[in-house]
Amino acid sequence: MQPFSTHTGMSTAVDTRGLSQDHVSKRMRVELAGGESLEARLHELTVCERPEEPCCGITYVLLSSNRSDGKKDIGSAYWMAFGEIEKFEVLGD
């Protein structure tokens, strides 16, 4: 499945928090609004037609996390909404 463009034919653009197709497959550190910090490999950006749709976000493979509750497994794929992302840093390929 091809990820969508970050801009639609409509006048409203989705806020991807600065993430773009150039970041796909990159290893990065992501800080989330809830205080979680994780290292992940970005698998896919999903941008829907309207920003309020719940499918706007990223799919990533978790490499490490500061969570200690065991709710996420290292090496597994997860999805998160763009709105959960506070900031990110590209660490490498």
N, C-alpha and C. Protein backbone atom coordinates (compact mmCIF):
# COMPACT_ATOMS: atom_id res chain seq x y z
N MET A 1 0.84 -1.17 0.00
CA MET A 1 0.00 0.00 0.00
C MET A 1 0.88 1.23 0.00
N GLN A 2 0.58 2.16 -0.86
CA GLN A 2 1.34 3.40 -0.95
C GLN A 2 0.87 4.39 0.10
N PRO A 3 1.76 4.96 0.91
CA PRO A 3 1.36 6.00 1.85
C PRO A 3 0.86 7.22 1.09
N PHE A 4 -0.03 7.94 1.71
CA PHE A 4 -0.61 9.12 1.09
C PHE A 4 0.34 10.30 1.21
N SER A 5 0.11 11.31 0.39
CA SER A 5 0.85 12.56 0.46
C SER A 5 0.47 13.30 1.74
N THR A 6 1.36 14.15 2.23
CA THR A 6 1.05 14.92 3.42
C THR A 6 0.11 16.07 3.12
N HIS A 7 -0.17 16.34 1.89
CA HIS A 7 -1.14 17.37 1.52
C HIS A 7 -2.18 16.76 0.60
N THR A 8 -3.42 17.09 0.83
CA THR A 8 -4.49 16.58 0.00
C THR A 8 -4.86 17.63 -1.02
N GLY A 9 -5.80 17.33 -1.85
CA GLY A 9 -6.29 18.30 -2.81
C GLY A 9 -7.15 19.35 -2.14
N MET A 10 -7.40 19.19 -0.85
CA MET A 10 -8.22 20.13 -0.11
C MET A 10 -7.33 21.24 0.45
N SER A 11 -7.95 22.27 1.00
CA SER A 11 -7.19 23.40 1.52
C SER A 11 -6.58 23.10 2.88
N THR A 12 -6.97 22.02 3.54
CA THR A 12 -6.46 21.68 4.86
C THR A 12 -5.35 20.64 4.74
N ALA A 13 -4.20 20.93 5.35
CA ALA A 13 -3.09 19.99 5.35
C ALA A 13 -3.04 19.30 6.71
N VAL A 14 -2.57 18.08 6.72
CA VAL A 14 -2.42 17.33 7.96
C VAL A 14 -1.09 17.70 8.61
N ASP A 15 -1.11 17.94 9.92
CA ASP A 15 0.11 18.24 10.67
C ASP A 15 0.83 16.93 10.98
N THR A 16 1.88 16.66 10.23
CA THR A 16 2.66 15.43 10.42
C THR A 16 3.80 15.61 11.42
N ARG A 17 3.81 16.73 12.12
CA ARG A 17 4.84 17.04 13.11
C ARG A 17 6.23 17.12 12.49
N GLY A 18 6.29 17.36 11.17
CA GLY A 18 7.56 17.46 10.48
C GLY A 18 8.04 16.17 9.84
N LEU A 19 7.33 15.09 10.07
CA LEU A 19 7.70 13.81 9.47
C LEU A 19 7.27 13.79 8.01
N SER A 20 8.10 13.17 7.17
CA SER A 20 7.81 13.08 5.74
C SER A 20 8.24 11.71 5.23
N GLN A 21 7.98 11.46 3.96
CA GLN A 21 8.38 10.19 3.34
C GLN A 21 9.89 9.98 3.44
N ASP A 22 10.67 11.05 3.53
CA ASP A 22 12.12 10.94 3.66
C ASP A 22 12.54 10.25 4.96
N HIS A 23 11.65 10.24 5.95
CA HIS A 23 11.95 9.62 7.24
C HIS A 23 11.63 8.13 7.29
N VAL A 24 10.88 7.63 6.31
CA VAL A 24 10.52 6.22 6.30
C VAL A 24 11.79 5.37 6.22
N SER A 25 11.86 4.35 7.04
CA SER A 25 12.99 3.42 7.19
C SER A 25 14.12 3.97 8.05
N LYS A 26 13.99 5.18 8.55
CA LYS A 26 15.02 5.76 9.40
C LYS A 26 14.82 5.33 10.85
N ARG A 27 15.93 5.24 11.56
CA ARG A 27 15.92 4.99 13.00
C ARG A 27 15.83 6.34 13.68
N MET A 28 14.91 6.48 14.64
CA MET A 28 14.74 7.78 15.28
C MET A 28 14.33 7.66 16.74
N ARG A 29 14.58 8.73 17.45
CA ARG A 29 14.11 8.86 18.83
C ARG A 29 12.86 9.73 18.78
N VAL A 30 11.81 9.27 19.45
CA VAL A 30 10.54 9.98 19.44
C VAL A 30 10.11 10.23 20.87
N GLU A 31 9.78 11.49 21.19
CA GLU A 31 9.25 11.82 22.51
C GLU A 31 7.76 12.07 22.36
N LEU A 32 6.98 11.41 23.21
CA LEU A 32 5.53 11.47 23.13
C LEU A 32 4.94 12.41 24.18
N ALA A 33 3.75 12.88 23.91
CA ALA A 33 3.07 13.82 24.79
C ALA A 33 2.91 13.28 26.20
N GLY A 34 2.74 11.97 26.36
CA GLY A 34 2.55 11.36 27.68
C GLY A 34 3.82 11.12 28.46
N GLY A 35 4.98 11.53 27.93
CA GLY A 35 6.24 11.37 28.64
C GLY A 35 7.08 10.19 28.18
N GLU A 36 6.50 9.32 27.37
CA GLU A 36 7.26 8.17 26.87
C GLU A 36 8.30 8.65 25.86
N SER A 37 9.46 8.04 25.92
CA SER A 37 10.51 8.28 24.94
C SER A 37 10.86 6.92 24.36
N LEU A 38 10.90 6.86 23.03
CA LEU A 38 11.20 5.58 22.42
C LEU A 38 12.14 5.74 21.24
N GLU A 39 12.82 4.65 20.93
CA GLU A 39 13.63 4.57 19.73
C GLU A 39 12.90 3.61 18.80
N ALA A 40 12.74 4.03 17.55
CA ALA A 40 11.94 3.25 16.62
C ALA A 40 12.47 3.39 15.21
N ARG A 41 12.06 2.46 14.36
CA ARG A 41 12.30 2.56 12.93
C ARG A 41 10.97 2.85 12.28
N LEU A 42 10.90 4.00 11.59
CA LEU A 42 9.64 4.42 10.96
C LEU A 42 9.33 3.52 9.78
N HIS A 43 8.16 2.92 9.80
CA HIS A 43 7.76 2.00 8.73
C HIS A 43 6.88 2.70 7.69
N GLU A 44 5.94 3.53 8.14
CA GLU A 44 5.00 4.14 7.19
C GLU A 44 4.33 5.36 7.80
N LEU A 45 4.10 6.36 6.96
CA LEU A 45 3.26 7.49 7.33
C LEU A 45 1.90 7.26 6.70
N THR A 46 0.85 7.52 7.46
CA THR A 46 -0.51 7.42 6.93
C THR A 46 -1.17 8.77 7.11
N VAL A 47 -1.52 9.39 6.00
CA VAL A 47 -2.16 10.70 6.02
C VAL A 47 -3.50 10.57 5.33
N CYS A 48 -4.54 10.88 6.06
CA CYS A 48 -5.90 10.73 5.56
C CYS A 48 -6.35 12.01 4.86
N GLU A 49 -7.50 11.91 4.24
CA GLU A 49 -8.03 13.05 3.50
C GLU A 49 -8.33 14.24 4.40
N ARG A 50 -8.85 13.97 5.59
CA ARG A 50 -9.19 15.06 6.52
C ARG A 50 -8.38 14.88 7.80
N PRO A 51 -7.82 15.97 8.36
CA PRO A 51 -6.98 15.88 9.56
C PRO A 51 -7.66 15.25 10.76
N GLU A 52 -8.97 15.37 10.87
CA GLU A 52 -9.66 14.83 12.05
C GLU A 52 -9.91 13.32 11.96
N GLU A 53 -9.61 12.72 10.82
CA GLU A 53 -9.79 11.28 10.69
C GLU A 53 -8.79 10.54 11.57
N PRO A 54 -9.20 9.43 12.17
CA PRO A 54 -8.33 8.75 13.13
C PRO A 54 -7.18 7.96 12.51
N CYS A 55 -7.07 7.92 11.20
CA CYS A 55 -6.00 7.12 10.59
C CYS A 55 -4.71 7.91 10.36
N CYS A 56 -4.68 9.18 10.68
CA CYS A 56 -3.49 10.00 10.46
C CYS A 56 -2.44 9.68 11.52
N GLY A 57 -1.30 9.12 11.09
CA GLY A 57 -0.25 8.78 12.05
C GLY A 57 0.88 8.01 11.41
N ILE A 58 1.63 7.32 12.24
CA ILE A 58 2.77 6.54 11.76
C ILE A 58 2.67 5.10 12.24
N THR A 59 3.27 4.22 11.46
CA THR A 59 3.50 2.84 11.87
C THR A 59 5.01 2.73 12.07
N TYR A 60 5.41 2.11 13.16
CA TYR A 60 6.84 2.01 13.48
C TYR A 60 7.14 0.66 14.12
N VAL A 61 8.42 0.29 14.07
CA VAL A 61 8.90 -0.89 14.78
C VAL A 61 9.64 -0.39 16.01
N LEU A 62 9.22 -0.85 17.17
CA LEU A 62 9.81 -0.41 18.43
C LEU A 62 11.18 -1.05 18.63
N LEU A 63 12.19 -0.21 18.87
CA LEU A 63 13.54 -0.69 19.14
C LEU A 63 13.88 -0.62 20.62
N SER A 64 13.39 0.43 21.30
CA SER A 64 13.55 0.54 22.75
C SER A 64 12.58 1.59 23.27
N SER A 65 12.34 1.56 24.59
CA SER A 65 11.38 2.48 25.19
C SER A 65 11.73 2.69 26.65
N ASN A 66 11.35 3.84 27.20
CA ASN A 66 11.53 4.07 28.62
C ASN A 66 10.34 3.54 29.44
N ARG A 67 9.35 2.95 28.77
CA ARG A 67 8.21 2.33 29.47
C ARG A 67 8.68 1.06 30.16
N SER A 68 8.20 0.85 31.36
CA SER A 68 8.58 -0.36 32.09
C SER A 68 7.37 -1.23 32.42
N ASP A 69 6.22 -0.91 31.84
CA ASP A 69 5.00 -1.66 32.17
C ASP A 69 4.82 -2.91 31.31
N GLY A 70 5.70 -3.13 30.32
CA GLY A 70 5.62 -4.33 29.50
C GLY A 70 4.49 -4.36 28.51
N LYS A 71 3.83 -3.23 28.26
CA LYS A 71 2.70 -3.19 27.32
C LYS A 71 3.12 -3.19 25.86
N LYS A 72 4.38 -2.88 25.60
CA LYS A 72 4.90 -2.89 24.22
C LYS A 72 6.11 -3.81 24.15
N ASP A 73 6.15 -4.62 23.11
CA ASP A 73 7.26 -5.56 22.92
C ASP A 73 8.28 -5.00 21.94
N ILE A 74 9.55 -5.07 22.31
CA ILE A 74 10.63 -4.66 21.43
C ILE A 74 10.57 -5.52 20.16
N GLY A 75 10.71 -4.89 19.01
CA GLY A 75 10.69 -5.60 17.73
C GLY A 75 9.31 -5.72 17.11
N SER A 76 8.28 -5.30 17.84
CA SER A 76 6.91 -5.35 17.31
C SER A 76 6.55 -4.03 16.64
N ALA A 77 5.57 -4.11 15.75
CA ALA A 77 5.10 -2.92 15.03
C ALA A 77 3.91 -2.31 15.76
N TYR A 78 3.87 -0.98 15.79
CA TYR A 78 2.80 -0.24 16.45
C TYR A 78 2.41 0.96 15.58
N TRP A 79 1.25 1.51 15.91
CA TRP A 79 0.77 2.72 15.23
C TRP A 79 0.55 3.78 16.28
N MET A 80 0.79 5.05 15.92
CA MET A 80 0.46 6.18 16.80
C MET A 80 0.00 7.35 15.95
N ALA A 81 -0.88 8.14 16.53
CA ALA A 81 -1.38 9.35 15.87
C ALA A 81 -0.30 10.43 15.88
N PHE A 82 -0.29 11.28 14.84
CA PHE A 82 0.68 12.38 14.80
C PHE A 82 0.57 13.25 16.04
N GLY A 83 -0.64 13.42 16.57
CA GLY A 83 -0.85 14.28 17.72
C GLY A 83 -0.16 13.83 18.99
N GLU A 84 0.23 12.56 19.08
CA GLU A 84 0.94 12.05 20.25
C GLU A 84 2.41 12.43 20.24
N ILE A 85 2.95 12.83 19.09
CA ILE A 85 4.38 13.10 18.93
C ILE A 85 4.70 14.54 19.36
N GLU A 86 5.56 14.66 20.35
CA GLU A 86 6.03 15.98 20.78
C GLU A 86 7.21 16.43 19.90
N LYS A 87 8.20 15.55 19.76
CA LYS A 87 9.35 15.85 18.92
C LYS A 87 10.04 14.54 18.55
N PHE A 88 10.89 14.63 17.52
CA PHE A 88 11.65 13.45 17.11
C PHE A 88 13.03 13.88 16.63
N GLU A 89 13.94 12.91 16.61
CA GLU A 89 15.30 13.13 16.17
C GLU A 89 15.70 11.91 15.33
N VAL A 90 16.21 12.14 14.13
CA VAL A 90 16.70 11.05 13.30
C VAL A 90 18.06 10.62 13.83
N LEU A 91 18.21 9.32 14.07
CA LEU A 91 19.45 8.78 14.61
C LEU A 91 20.31 8.12 13.55
N GLY A 92 19.71 7.72 12.44
CA GLY A 92 20.47 7.08 11.37
C GLY A 92 19.58 6.27 10.47
N ASP A 93 20.23 5.55 9.56
CA ASP A 93 19.48 4.73 8.60
C ASP A 93 19.06 3.40 9.15
